[in-house]
């Protein structure tokens, strides 16, 4: 077995793909050379070129290391809690589609 194959097997510990609408999220647990685990979170979204003929995937990735897990989870939970508590009520239109009630006076318009 080559050194590359050995490193590749060691790096990939766990992988989970989550499809969510038009996006797919990949949660990959990997290991460093020192055998310390870390998490990569990748957002992948299928896009098309300007002609609409050729598809490609736009990807965004973050690396989350073990020493940052607690702070990351605290921040994520705080942000999710804020959304759940403060999300404007979504109203159904007559055609059945949803929209968010926006008050343009708040925007200074």
PDB file of N, CA and C in Angstrom:
ATOM      1  N   UNK A   1       0.847  -1.175   0.000  1.00  0.00           N
ATOM      2  CA  UNK A   1       0.000   0.000   0.000  1.00  0.00           C
ATOM      3  C   UNK A   1       0.894   1.240   0.000  1.00  0.00           C
ATOM      4  N   UNK A   2       0.555   2.203  -0.857  1.00  0.00           N
ATOM      5  CA  UNK A   2       1.360   3.411  -0.940  1.00  0.00           C
ATOM      6  C   UNK A   2       1.081   4.320   0.250  1.00  0.00           C
ATOM      7  N   UNK A   3       1.978   5.297   0.453  1.00  0.00           N
ATOM      8  CA  UNK A   3       1.807   6.247   1.554  1.00  0.00           C
ATOM      9  C   UNK A   3       0.517   7.043   1.369  1.00  0.00           C
ATOM     10  N   UNK A   4       0.181   7.408   0.111  1.00  0.00           N
ATOM     11  CA  UNK A   4      -1.034   8.178  -0.161  1.00  0.00           C
ATOM     12  C   UNK A   4      -2.274   7.381   0.232  1.00  0.00           C
ATOM     13  N   UNK A   5      -2.329   6.109  -0.160  1.00  0.00           N
ATOM     14  CA  UNK A   5      -3.483   5.271   0.178  1.00  0.00           C
ATOM     15  C   UNK A   5      -3.614   5.115   1.691  1.00  0.00           C
ATOM     16  N   UNK A   6      -2.508   4.954   2.375  1.00  0.00           N
ATOM     17  CA  UNK A   6      -2.523   4.815   3.823  1.00  0.00           C
ATOM     18  C   UNK A   6      -3.055   6.092   4.477  1.00  0.00           C
ATOM     19  N   UNK A   7      -2.599   7.272   4.016  1.00  0.00           N
ATOM     20  CA  UNK A   7      -3.075   8.544   4.551  1.00  0.00           C
ATOM     21  C   UNK A   7      -4.553   8.747   4.261  1.00  0.00           C
ATOM     22  N   UNK A   8      -4.992   8.354   3.070  1.00  0.00           N
ATOM     23  CA  UNK A   8      -6.383   8.522   2.691  1.00  0.00           C
ATOM     24  C   UNK A   8      -7.289   7.706   3.608  1.00  0.00           C
ATOM     25  N   UNK A   9      -6.922   6.487   3.906  1.00  0.00           N
ATOM     26  CA  UNK A   9      -7.719   5.647   4.793  1.00  0.00           C
ATOM     27  C   UNK A   9      -7.727   6.220   6.205  1.00  0.00           C
ATOM     28  N   UNK A  10      -6.616   6.719   6.665  1.00  0.00           N
ATOM     29  CA  UNK A  10      -6.524   7.262   8.013  1.00  0.00           C
ATOM     30  C   UNK A  10      -7.344   8.542   8.136  1.00  0.00           C
ATOM     31  N   UNK A  11      -7.345   9.369   7.098  1.00  0.00           N
ATOM     32  CA  UNK A  11      -8.027  10.661   7.146  1.00  0.00           C
ATOM     33  C   UNK A  11      -9.541  10.529   7.256  1.00  0.00           C
ATOM     34  N   UNK A  12     -10.148   9.603   6.531  1.00  0.00           N
ATOM     35  CA  UNK A  12     -11.597   9.467   6.497  1.00  0.00           C
ATOM     36  C   UNK A  12     -12.077   8.564   7.624  1.00  0.00           C
ATOM     37  N   UNK A  13     -12.729   9.156   8.633  1.00  0.00           N
ATOM     38  CA  UNK A  13     -13.202   8.414   9.795  1.00  0.00           C
ATOM     39  C   UNK A  13     -14.700   8.155   9.687  1.00  0.00           C
ATOM     40  N   UNK A  14     -15.461   9.187   9.307  1.00  0.00           N
ATOM     41  CA  UNK A  14     -16.915   9.111   9.261  1.00  0.00           C
ATOM     42  C   UNK A  14     -17.416  10.155   8.281  1.00  0.00           C
ATOM     43  N   UNK A  15     -18.506   9.850   7.579  1.00  0.00           N
ATOM     44  CA  UNK A  15     -19.079  10.813   6.649  1.00  0.00           C
ATOM     45  C   UNK A  15     -20.597  10.679   6.658  1.00  0.00           C
ATOM     46  N   UNK A  16     -21.276  11.816   6.654  1.00  0.00           N
ATOM     47  CA  UNK A  16     -22.739  11.843   6.622  1.00  0.00           C
ATOM     48  C   UNK A  16     -23.176  12.941   5.671  1.00  0.00           C
ATOM     49  N   UNK A  17     -23.991  12.586   4.671  1.00  0.00           N
ATOM     50  CA  UNK A  17     -24.541  13.556   3.734  1.00  0.00           C
ATOM     51  C   UNK A  17     -25.989  13.822   4.109  1.00  0.00           C
ATOM     52  N   UNK A  18     -26.370  15.103   4.120  1.00  0.00           N
ATOM     53  CA  UNK A  18     -27.735  15.502   4.446  1.00  0.00           C
ATOM     54  C   UNK A  18     -28.259  16.348   3.295  1.00  0.00           C
ATOM     55  N   UNK A  19     -29.270  15.848   2.609  1.00  0.00           N
ATOM     56  CA  UNK A  19     -29.901  16.620   1.543  1.00  0.00           C
ATOM     57  C   UNK A  19     -30.959  17.518   2.164  1.00  0.00           C
ATOM     58  N   UNK A  20     -30.899  18.809   1.827  1.00  0.00           N
ATOM     59  CA  UNK A  20     -31.835  19.785   2.374  1.00  0.00           C
ATOM     60  C   UNK A  20     -32.222  20.753   1.266  1.00  0.00           C
ATOM     61  N   UNK A  21     -33.337  20.477   0.622  1.00  0.00           N
ATOM     62  CA  UNK A  21     -33.771  21.333  -0.477  1.00  0.00           C
ATOM     63  C   UNK A  21     -32.802  21.261  -1.640  1.00  0.00           C
ATOM     64  N   UNK A  22     -32.327  22.423  -2.074  1.00  0.00           N
ATOM     65  CA  UNK A  22     -31.407  22.493  -3.214  1.00  0.00           C
ATOM     66  C   UNK A  22     -29.956  22.301  -2.804  1.00  0.00           C
ATOM     67  N   UNK A  23     -29.716  22.093  -1.523  1.00  0.00           N
ATOM     68  CA  UNK A  23     -28.350  21.963  -1.019  1.00  0.00           C
ATOM     69  C   UNK A  23     -28.129  20.578  -0.425  1.00  0.00           C
ATOM     70  N   UNK A  24     -26.866  20.204  -0.397  1.00  0.00           N
ATOM     71  CA  UNK A  24     -26.458  19.000   0.326  1.00  0.00           C
ATOM     72  C   UNK A  24     -25.358  19.425   1.280  1.00  0.00           C
ATOM     73  N   UNK A  25     -25.456  18.965   2.515  1.00  0.00           N
ATOM     74  CA  UNK A  25     -24.444  19.239   3.528  1.00  0.00           C
ATOM     75  C   UNK A  25     -23.704  17.950   3.819  1.00  0.00           C
ATOM     76  N   UNK A  26     -22.389  18.028   3.858  1.00  0.00           N
ATOM     77  CA  UNK A  26     -21.555  16.875   4.167  1.00  0.00           C
ATOM     78  C   UNK A  26     -20.855  17.133   5.497  1.00  0.00           C
ATOM     79  N   UNK A  27     -21.002  16.197   6.419  1.00  0.00           N
ATOM     80  CA  UNK A  27     -20.324  16.256   7.703  1.00  0.00           C
ATOM     81  C   UNK A  27     -19.282  15.147   7.683  1.00  0.00           C
ATOM     82  N   UNK A  28     -18.018  15.519   7.634  1.00  0.00           N
ATOM     83  CA  UNK A  28     -16.930  14.547   7.520  1.00  0.00           C
ATOM     84  C   UNK A  28     -16.004  14.647   8.713  1.00  0.00           C
ATOM     85  N   UNK A  29     -15.832  13.521   9.401  1.00  0.00           N
ATOM     86  CA  UNK A  29     -14.870  13.449  10.496  1.00  0.00           C
ATOM     87  C   UNK A  29     -13.578  12.918   9.906  1.00  0.00           C
ATOM     88  N   UNK A  30     -12.504  13.657  10.135  1.00  0.00           N
ATOM     89  CA  UNK A  30     -11.190  13.276   9.608  1.00  0.00           C
ATOM     90  C   UNK A  30     -10.185  13.295  10.743  1.00  0.00           C
ATOM     91  N   UNK A  31      -8.980  12.833  10.453  1.00  0.00           N
ATOM     92  CA  UNK A  31      -7.933  12.863  11.477  1.00  0.00           C
ATOM     93  C   UNK A  31      -6.684  13.519  10.931  1.00  0.00           C
ATOM     94  N   UNK A  32      -5.966  14.152  11.826  1.00  0.00           N
ATOM     95  CA  UNK A  32      -4.685  14.764  11.467  1.00  0.00           C
ATOM     96  C   UNK A  32      -3.606  13.687  11.490  1.00  0.00           C
ATOM     97  N   UNK A  33      -2.408  14.042  11.128  1.00  0.00           N
ATOM     98  CA  UNK A  33      -1.288  13.093  11.206  1.00  0.00           C
ATOM     99  C   UNK A  33      -1.051  12.636  12.641  1.00  0.00           C
ATOM    100  N   UNK A  34      -1.413  13.492  13.612  1.00  0.00           N
ATOM    101  CA  UNK A  34      -1.256  13.148  15.025  1.00  0.00           C
ATOM    102  C   UNK A  34      -2.462  12.352  15.536  1.00  0.00           C
ATOM    103  N   UNK A  35      -3.344  11.935  14.618  1.00  0.00           N
ATOM    104  CA  UNK A  35      -4.531  11.146  14.921  1.00  0.00           C
ATOM    105  C   UNK A  35      -5.537  11.905  15.793  1.00  0.00           C
ATOM    106  N   UNK A  36      -5.601  13.234  15.647  1.00  0.00           N
ATOM    107  CA  UNK A  36      -6.609  14.041  16.320  1.00  0.00           C
ATOM    108  C   UNK A  36      -7.756  14.269  15.342  1.00  0.00           C
ATOM    109  N   UNK A  37      -8.978  14.064  15.800  1.00  0.00           N
ATOM    110  CA  UNK A  37     -10.142  14.195  14.945  1.00  0.00           C
ATOM    111  C   UNK A  37     -10.566  15.657  14.810  1.00  0.00           C
ATOM    112  N   UNK A  38     -11.115  15.976  13.641  1.00  0.00           N
ATOM    113  CA  UNK A  38     -11.723  17.275  13.388  1.00  0.00           C
ATOM    114  C   UNK A  38     -12.884  17.075  12.430  1.00  0.00           C
ATOM    115  N   UNK A  39     -13.715  18.082  12.298  1.00  0.00           N
ATOM    116  CA  UNK A  39     -14.913  18.008  11.476  1.00  0.00           C
ATOM    117  C   UNK A  39     -14.818  18.993  10.326  1.00  0.00           C
ATOM    118  N   UNK A  40     -15.182  18.541   9.137  1.00  0.00           N
ATOM    119  CA  UNK A  40     -15.372  19.472   8.032  1.00  0.00           C
ATOM    120  C   UNK A  40     -16.857  19.474   7.705  1.00  0.00           C
ATOM    121  N   UNK A  41     -17.398  20.663   7.502  1.00  0.00           N
ATOM    122  CA  UNK A  41     -18.788  20.821   7.085  1.00  0.00           C
ATOM    123  C   UNK A  41     -18.746  21.473   5.711  1.00  0.00           C
ATOM    124  N   UNK A  42     -19.328  20.790   4.733  1.00  0.00           N
ATOM    125  CA  UNK A  42     -19.319  21.287   3.363  1.00  0.00           C
ATOM    126  C   UNK A  42     -20.744  21.490   2.893  1.00  0.00           C
ATOM    127  N   UNK A  43     -21.011  22.687   2.361  1.00  0.00           N
ATOM    128  CA  UNK A  43     -22.285  22.965   1.718  1.00  0.00           C
ATOM    129  C   UNK A  43     -22.047  22.849   0.219  1.00  0.00           C
ATOM    130  N   UNK A  44     -22.865  22.070  -0.464  1.00  0.00           N
ATOM    131  CA  UNK A  44     -22.736  21.889  -1.900  1.00  0.00           C
ATOM    132  C   UNK A  44     -24.064  22.222  -2.560  1.00  0.00           C
ATOM    133  N   UNK A  45     -24.003  23.053  -3.596  1.00  0.00           N
ATOM    134  CA  UNK A  45     -25.215  23.457  -4.297  1.00  0.00           C
ATOM    135  C   UNK A  45     -24.974  23.337  -5.795  1.00  0.00           C
ATOM    136  N   UNK A  46     -25.893  22.670  -6.473  1.00  0.00           N
ATOM    137  CA  UNK A  46     -25.777  22.483  -7.922  1.00  0.00           C
ATOM    138  C   UNK A  46     -26.146  23.783  -8.625  1.00  0.00           C
ATOM    139  N   UNK A  47     -25.279  24.227  -9.512  1.00  0.00           N
ATOM    140  CA  UNK A  47     -25.500  25.450 -10.291  1.00  0.00           C
ATOM    141  C   UNK A  47     -25.290  25.115 -11.760  1.00  0.00           C
ATOM    142  N   UNK A  48     -25.699  26.040 -12.613  1.00  0.00           N
ATOM    143  CA  UNK A  48     -25.514  25.864 -14.044  1.00  0.00           C
ATOM    144  C   UNK A  48     -24.777  27.063 -14.609  1.00  0.00           C
ATOM    145  N   UNK A  49     -24.040  26.839 -15.700  1.00  0.00           N
ATOM    146  CA  UNK A  49     -23.322  27.938 -16.340  1.00  0.00           C
ATOM    147  C   UNK A  49     -24.324  28.919 -16.939  1.00  0.00           C
ATOM    148  N   UNK A  50     -23.832  30.021 -17.489  1.00  0.00           N
ATOM    149  CA  UNK A  50     -24.726  31.074 -17.991  1.00  0.00           C
ATOM    150  C   UNK A  50     -25.639  30.574 -19.098  1.00  0.00           C
ATOM    151  N   UNK A  51     -25.204  29.596 -19.870  1.00  0.00           N
ATOM    152  CA  UNK A  51     -26.045  29.032 -20.923  1.00  0.00           C
ATOM    153  C   UNK A  51     -27.060  28.038 -20.380  1.00  0.00           C
ATOM    154  N   UNK A  52     -26.904  27.676 -19.115  1.00  0.00           N
ATOM    155  CA  UNK A  52     -27.814  26.725 -18.502  1.00  0.00           C
ATOM    156  C   UNK A  52     -27.606  25.298 -18.952  1.00  0.00           C
ATOM    157  N   UNK A  53     -26.471  25.036 -19.610  1.00  0.00           N
ATOM    158  CA  UNK A  53     -26.234  23.708 -20.171  1.00  0.00           C
ATOM    159  C   UNK A  53     -25.335  22.842 -19.295  1.00  0.00           C
ATOM    160  N   UNK A  54     -24.299  23.441 -18.757  1.00  0.00           N
ATOM    161  CA  UNK A  54     -23.312  22.660 -18.015  1.00  0.00           C
ATOM    162  C   UNK A  54     -23.492  22.870 -16.509  1.00  0.00           C
ATOM    163  N   UNK A  55     -23.689  21.763 -15.795  1.00  0.00           N
ATOM    164  CA  UNK A  55     -23.869  21.832 -14.349  1.00  0.00           C
ATOM    165  C   UNK A  55     -22.519  21.764 -13.645  1.00  0.00           C
ATOM    166  N   UNK A  56     -22.438  22.456 -12.515  1.00  0.00           N
ATOM    167  CA  UNK A  56     -21.266  22.367 -11.652  1.00  0.00           C
ATOM    168  C   UNK A  56     -21.740  22.523 -10.213  1.00  0.00           C
ATOM    169  N   UNK A  57     -20.891  22.176  -9.271  1.00  0.00           N
ATOM    170  CA  UNK A  57     -21.248  22.266  -7.863  1.00  0.00           C
ATOM    171  C   UNK A  57     -20.431  23.361  -7.190  1.00  0.00           C
ATOM    172  N   UNK A  58     -21.139  24.299  -6.565  1.00  0.00           N
ATOM    173  CA  UNK A  58     -20.497  25.340  -5.787  1.00  0.00           C
ATOM    174  C   UNK A  58     -20.382  24.809  -4.359  1.00  0.00           C
ATOM    175  N   UNK A  59     -19.165  24.828  -3.826  1.00  0.00           N
ATOM    176  CA  UNK A  59     -18.942  24.254  -2.500  1.00  0.00           C
ATOM    177  C   UNK A  59     -18.319  25.280  -1.563  1.00  0.00           C
ATOM    178  N   UNK A  60     -18.761  25.217  -0.319  1.00  0.00           N
ATOM    179  CA  UNK A  60     -18.203  26.042   0.750  1.00  0.00           C
ATOM    180  C   UNK A  60     -17.887  25.108   1.903  1.00  0.00           C
ATOM    181  N   UNK A  61     -16.709  25.263   2.471  1.00  0.00           N
ATOM    182  CA  UNK A  61     -16.271  24.317   3.496  1.00  0.00           C
ATOM    183  C   UNK A  61     -15.721  25.056   4.702  1.00  0.00           C
ATOM    184  N   UNK A  62     -16.042  24.529   5.895  1.00  0.00           N
ATOM    185  CA  UNK A  62     -15.414  25.026   7.115  1.00  0.00           C
ATOM    186  C   UNK A  62     -14.786  23.840   7.839  1.00  0.00           C
ATOM    187  N   UNK A  63     -13.729  24.128   8.553  1.00  0.00           N
ATOM    188  CA  UNK A  63     -13.030  23.120   9.350  1.00  0.00           C
ATOM    189  C   UNK A  63     -13.263  23.464  10.810  1.00  0.00           C
ATOM    190  N   UNK A  64     -13.682  22.478  11.574  1.00  0.00           N
ATOM    191  CA  UNK A  64     -13.974  22.689  12.985  1.00  0.00           C
ATOM    192  C   UNK A  64     -13.134  21.718  13.803  1.00  0.00           C
ATOM    193  N   UNK A  65     -12.255  22.271  14.627  1.00  0.00           N
ATOM    194  CA  UNK A  65     -11.336  21.450  15.413  1.00  0.00           C
ATOM    195  C   UNK A  65     -11.878  21.224  16.818  1.00  0.00           C
ATOM    196  N   UNK A  66     -11.475  20.100  17.406  1.00  0.00           N
ATOM    197  CA  UNK A  66     -12.006  19.640  18.687  1.00  0.00           C
ATOM    198  C   UNK A  66     -11.982  20.730  19.759  1.00  0.00           C
ATOM    199  N   UNK A  67     -10.927  21.516  19.819  1.00  0.00           N
ATOM    200  CA  UNK A  67     -10.828  22.545  20.862  1.00  0.00           C
ATOM    201  C   UNK A  67     -11.863  23.656  20.667  1.00  0.00           C
ATOM    202  N   UNK A  68     -12.503  23.712  19.492  1.00  0.00           N
ATOM    203  CA  UNK A  68     -13.501  24.746  19.216  1.00  0.00           C
ATOM    204  C   UNK A  68     -14.935  24.228  19.272  1.00  0.00           C
ATOM    205  N   UNK A  69     -15.139  22.914  19.452  1.00  0.00           N
ATOM    206  CA  UNK A  69     -16.479  22.326  19.413  1.00  0.00           C
ATOM    207  C   UNK A  69     -17.437  23.024  20.374  1.00  0.00           C
ATOM    208  N   UNK A  70     -17.042  23.178  21.623  1.00  0.00           N
ATOM    209  CA  UNK A  70     -17.936  23.714  22.643  1.00  0.00           C
ATOM    210  C   UNK A  70     -18.388  25.133  22.300  1.00  0.00           C
ATOM    211  N   UNK A  71     -17.434  25.996  21.948  1.00  0.00           N
ATOM    212  CA  UNK A  71     -17.767  27.385  21.602  1.00  0.00           C
ATOM    213  C   UNK A  71     -18.637  27.434  20.347  1.00  0.00           C
ATOM    214  N   UNK A  72     -18.323  26.585  19.373  1.00  0.00           N
ATOM    215  CA  UNK A  72     -19.098  26.530  18.132  1.00  0.00           C
ATOM    216  C   UNK A  72     -20.541  26.136  18.436  1.00  0.00           C
ATOM    217  N   UNK A  73     -20.727  25.088  19.237  1.00  0.00           N
ATOM    218  CA  UNK A  73     -22.072  24.613  19.582  1.00  0.00           C
ATOM    219  C   UNK A  73     -22.830  25.672  20.368  1.00  0.00           C
ATOM    220  N   UNK A  74     -22.147  26.356  21.291  1.00  0.00           N
ATOM    221  CA  UNK A  74     -22.789  27.441  22.041  1.00  0.00           C
ATOM    222  C   UNK A  74     -23.281  28.532  21.091  1.00  0.00           C
ATOM    223  N   UNK A  75     -22.436  28.944  20.169  1.00  0.00           N
ATOM    224  CA  UNK A  75     -22.816  29.983  19.210  1.00  0.00           C
ATOM    225  C   UNK A  75     -23.935  29.530  18.295  1.00  0.00           C
ATOM    226  N   UNK A  76     -23.865  28.293  17.827  1.00  0.00           N
ATOM    227  CA  UNK A  76     -24.909  27.755  16.958  1.00  0.00           C
ATOM    228  C   UNK A  76     -26.238  27.686  17.697  1.00  0.00           C
ATOM    229  N   UNK A  77     -26.222  27.169  18.918  1.00  0.00           N
ATOM    230  CA  UNK A  77     -27.455  27.076  19.702  1.00  0.00           C
ATOM    231  C   UNK A  77     -28.048  28.453  19.980  1.00  0.00           C
ATOM    232  N   UNK A  78     -27.198  29.431  20.267  1.00  0.00           N
ATOM    233  CA  UNK A  78     -27.675  30.786  20.521  1.00  0.00           C
ATOM    234  C   UNK A  78     -28.327  31.370  19.269  1.00  0.00           C
ATOM    235  N   UNK A  79     -27.708  31.161  18.119  1.00  0.00           N
ATOM    236  CA  UNK A  79     -28.262  31.671  16.863  1.00  0.00           C
ATOM    237  C   UNK A  79     -29.587  30.982  16.533  1.00  0.00           C
ATOM    238  N   UNK A  80     -29.652  29.663  16.719  1.00  0.00           N
ATOM    239  CA  UNK A  80     -30.891  28.924  16.446  1.00  0.00           C
ATOM    240  C   UNK A  80     -32.001  29.360  17.397  1.00  0.00           C
ATOM    241  N   UNK A  81     -31.667  29.563  18.650  1.00  0.00           N
ATOM    242  CA  UNK A  81     -32.642  30.023  19.629  1.00  0.00           C
ATOM    243  C   UNK A  81     -33.182  31.400  19.248  1.00  0.00           C
ATOM    244  N   UNK A  82     -32.290  32.279  18.798  1.00  0.00           N
ATOM    245  CA  UNK A  82     -32.709  33.618  18.370  1.00  0.00           C
ATOM    246  C   UNK A  82     -33.695  33.522  17.203  1.00  0.00           C
ATOM    247  N   UNK A  83     -33.405  32.650  16.244  1.00  0.00           N
ATOM    248  CA  UNK A  83     -34.297  32.488  15.089  1.00  0.00           C
ATOM    249  C   UNK A  83     -35.659  31.977  15.550  1.00  0.00           C
ATOM    250  N   UNK A  84     -35.655  30.952  16.397  1.00  0.00           N
ATOM    251  CA  UNK A  84     -36.920  30.371  16.862  1.00  0.00           C
ATOM    252  C   UNK A  84     -37.746  31.387  17.637  1.00  0.00           C
ATOM    253  N   UNK A  85     -37.099  32.245  18.402  1.00  0.00           N
ATOM    254  CA  UNK A  85     -37.795  33.226  19.239  1.00  0.00           C
ATOM    255  C   UNK A  85     -38.227  34.452  18.453  1.00  0.00           C
ATOM    256  N   UNK A  86     -37.419  34.898  17.493  1.00  0.00           N
ATOM    257  CA  UNK A  86     -37.641  36.188  16.836  1.00  0.00           C
ATOM    258  C   UNK A  86     -38.072  36.113  15.385  1.00  0.00           C
ATOM    259  N   UNK A  87     -38.172  34.935  14.807  1.00  0.00           N
ATOM    260  CA  UNK A  87     -38.557  34.801  13.398  1.00  0.00           C
ATOM    261  C   UNK A  87     -39.918  35.446  13.171  1.00  0.00           C
ATOM    262  N   UNK A  88     -40.015  36.382  12.214  1.00  0.00           N
ATOM    263  CA  UNK A  88     -41.336  36.962  11.918  1.00  0.00           C
ATOM    264  C   UNK A  88     -42.299  35.857  11.482  1.00  0.00           C
ATOM    265  N   UNK A  89     -43.555  36.049  11.806  1.00  0.00           N
ATOM    266  CA  UNK A  89     -44.565  35.063  11.451  1.00  0.00           C
ATOM    267  C   UNK A  89     -44.711  35.004   9.937  1.00  0.00           C
ATOM    268  N   UNK A  90     -44.776  33.815   9.415  1.00  0.00           N
ATOM    269  CA  UNK A  90     -44.932  33.628   7.973  1.00  0.00           C
ATOM    270  C   UNK A  90     -46.409  33.469   7.684  1.00  0.00           C
ATOM    271  N   UNK A  91     -46.897  34.277   6.748  1.00  0.00           N
ATOM    272  CA  UNK A  91     -48.311  34.311   6.414  1.00  0.00           C
ATOM    273  C   UNK A  91     -48.525  33.660   5.056  1.00  0.00           C
ATOM    274  N   UNK A  92     -49.634  32.941   4.907  1.00  0.00           N
ATOM    275  CA  UNK A  92     -49.978  32.325   3.622  1.00  0.00           C
ATOM    276  C   UNK A  92     -50.739  33.330   2.768  1.00  0.00           C
ATOM    277  N   UNK A  93     -50.355  33.418   1.505  1.00  0.00           N
ATOM    278  CA  UNK A  93     -51.090  34.253   0.564  1.00  0.00           C
ATOM    279  C   UNK A  93     -52.296  33.475   0.058  1.00  0.00           C
ATOM    280  N   UNK A  94     -53.173  34.147  -0.673  1.00  0.00           N
ATOM    281  CA  UNK A  94     -54.369  33.487  -1.207  1.00  0.00           C
ATOM    282  C   UNK A  94     -54.015  32.352  -2.147  1.00  0.00           C
ATOM    283  N   UNK A  95     -52.883  32.460  -2.849  1.00  0.00           N
ATOM    284  CA  UNK A  95     -52.493  31.403  -3.778  1.00  0.00           C
ATOM    285  C   UNK A  95     -51.796  30.235  -3.072  1.00  0.00           C
ATOM    286  N   UNK A  96     -51.701  30.302  -1.733  1.00  0.00           N
ATOM    287  CA  UNK A  96     -51.126  29.198  -0.970  1.00  0.00           C
ATOM    288  C   UNK A  96     -49.640  29.324  -0.719  1.00  0.00           C
ATOM    289  N   UNK A  97     -48.968  30.260  -1.383  1.00  0.00           N
ATOM    290  CA  UNK A  97     -47.540  30.457  -1.156  1.00  0.00           C
ATOM    291  C   UNK A  97     -47.311  31.287   0.094  1.00  0.00           C
ATOM    292  N   UNK A  98     -46.143  31.139   0.687  1.00  0.00           N
ATOM    293  CA  UNK A  98     -45.829  31.861   1.918  1.00  0.00           C
ATOM    294  C   UNK A  98     -45.072  33.139   1.623  1.00  0.00           C
ATOM    295  N   UNK A  99     -45.226  34.110   2.512  1.00  0.00           N
ATOM    296  CA  UNK A  99     -44.406  35.305   2.474  1.00  0.00           C
ATOM    297  C   UNK A  99     -44.211  35.794   3.892  1.00  0.00           C
ATOM    298  N   UNK A 100     -43.174  36.586   4.089  1.00  0.00           N
ATOM    299  CA  UNK A 100     -42.892  37.149   5.402  1.00  0.00           C
ATOM    300  C   UNK A 100     -43.439  38.563   5.434  1.00  0.00           C
ATOM    301  N   UNK A 101     -44.137  38.904   6.493  1.00  0.00           N
ATOM    302  CA  UNK A 101     -44.685  40.231   6.655  1.00  0.00           C
ATOM    303  C   UNK A 101     -43.539  41.198   6.947  1.00  0.00           C
ATOM    304  N   UNK A 102     -43.303  42.138   6.017  1.00  0.00           N
ATOM    305  CA  UNK A 102     -42.222  43.103   6.168  1.00  0.00           C
ATOM    306  C   UNK A 102     -42.835  44.485   6.321  1.00  0.00           C
ATOM    307  N   UNK A 103     -42.357  45.233   7.319  1.00  0.00           N
ATOM    308  CA  UNK A 103     -42.820  46.594   7.538  1.00  0.00           C
ATOM    309  C   UNK A 103     -41.726  47.530   7.008  1.00  0.00           C
ATOM    310  N   UNK A 104     -41.997  48.175   5.873  1.00  0.00           N
ATOM    311  CA  UNK A 104     -40.980  49.017   5.245  1.00  0.00           C
ATOM    312  C   UNK A 104     -40.718  50.302   6.037  1.00  0.00           C
ATOM    313  N   UNK A 105     -41.619  50.655   6.961  1.00  0.00           N
ATOM    314  CA  UNK A 105     -41.363  51.812   7.814  1.00  0.00           C
ATOM    315  C   UNK A 105     -40.104  51.585   8.647  1.00  0.00           C
ATOM    316  N   UNK A 106     -39.845  50.321   9.000  1.00  0.00           N
ATOM    317  CA  UNK A 106     -38.645  49.980   9.757  1.00  0.00           C
ATOM    318  C   UNK A 106     -37.371  50.249   8.966  1.00  0.00           C
ATOM    319  N   UNK A 107     -37.496  50.258   7.644  1.00  0.00           N
ATOM    320  CA  UNK A 107     -36.333  50.437   6.767  1.00  0.00           C
ATOM    321  C   UNK A 107     -36.107  51.895   6.420  1.00  0.00           C
ATOM    322  N   UNK A 108     -36.969  52.776   6.905  1.00  0.00           N
ATOM    323  CA  UNK A 108     -36.812  54.199   6.621  1.00  0.00           C
ATOM    324  C   UNK A 108     -37.304  54.562   5.246  1.00  0.00           C
ATOM    325  N   UNK A 109     -38.126  53.706   4.641  1.00  0.00           N
ATOM    326  CA  UNK A 109     -38.659  53.973   3.284  1.00  0.00           C
ATOM    327  C   UNK A 109     -39.913  54.787   3.344  1.00  0.00           C
TER     328      UNK A 109
END
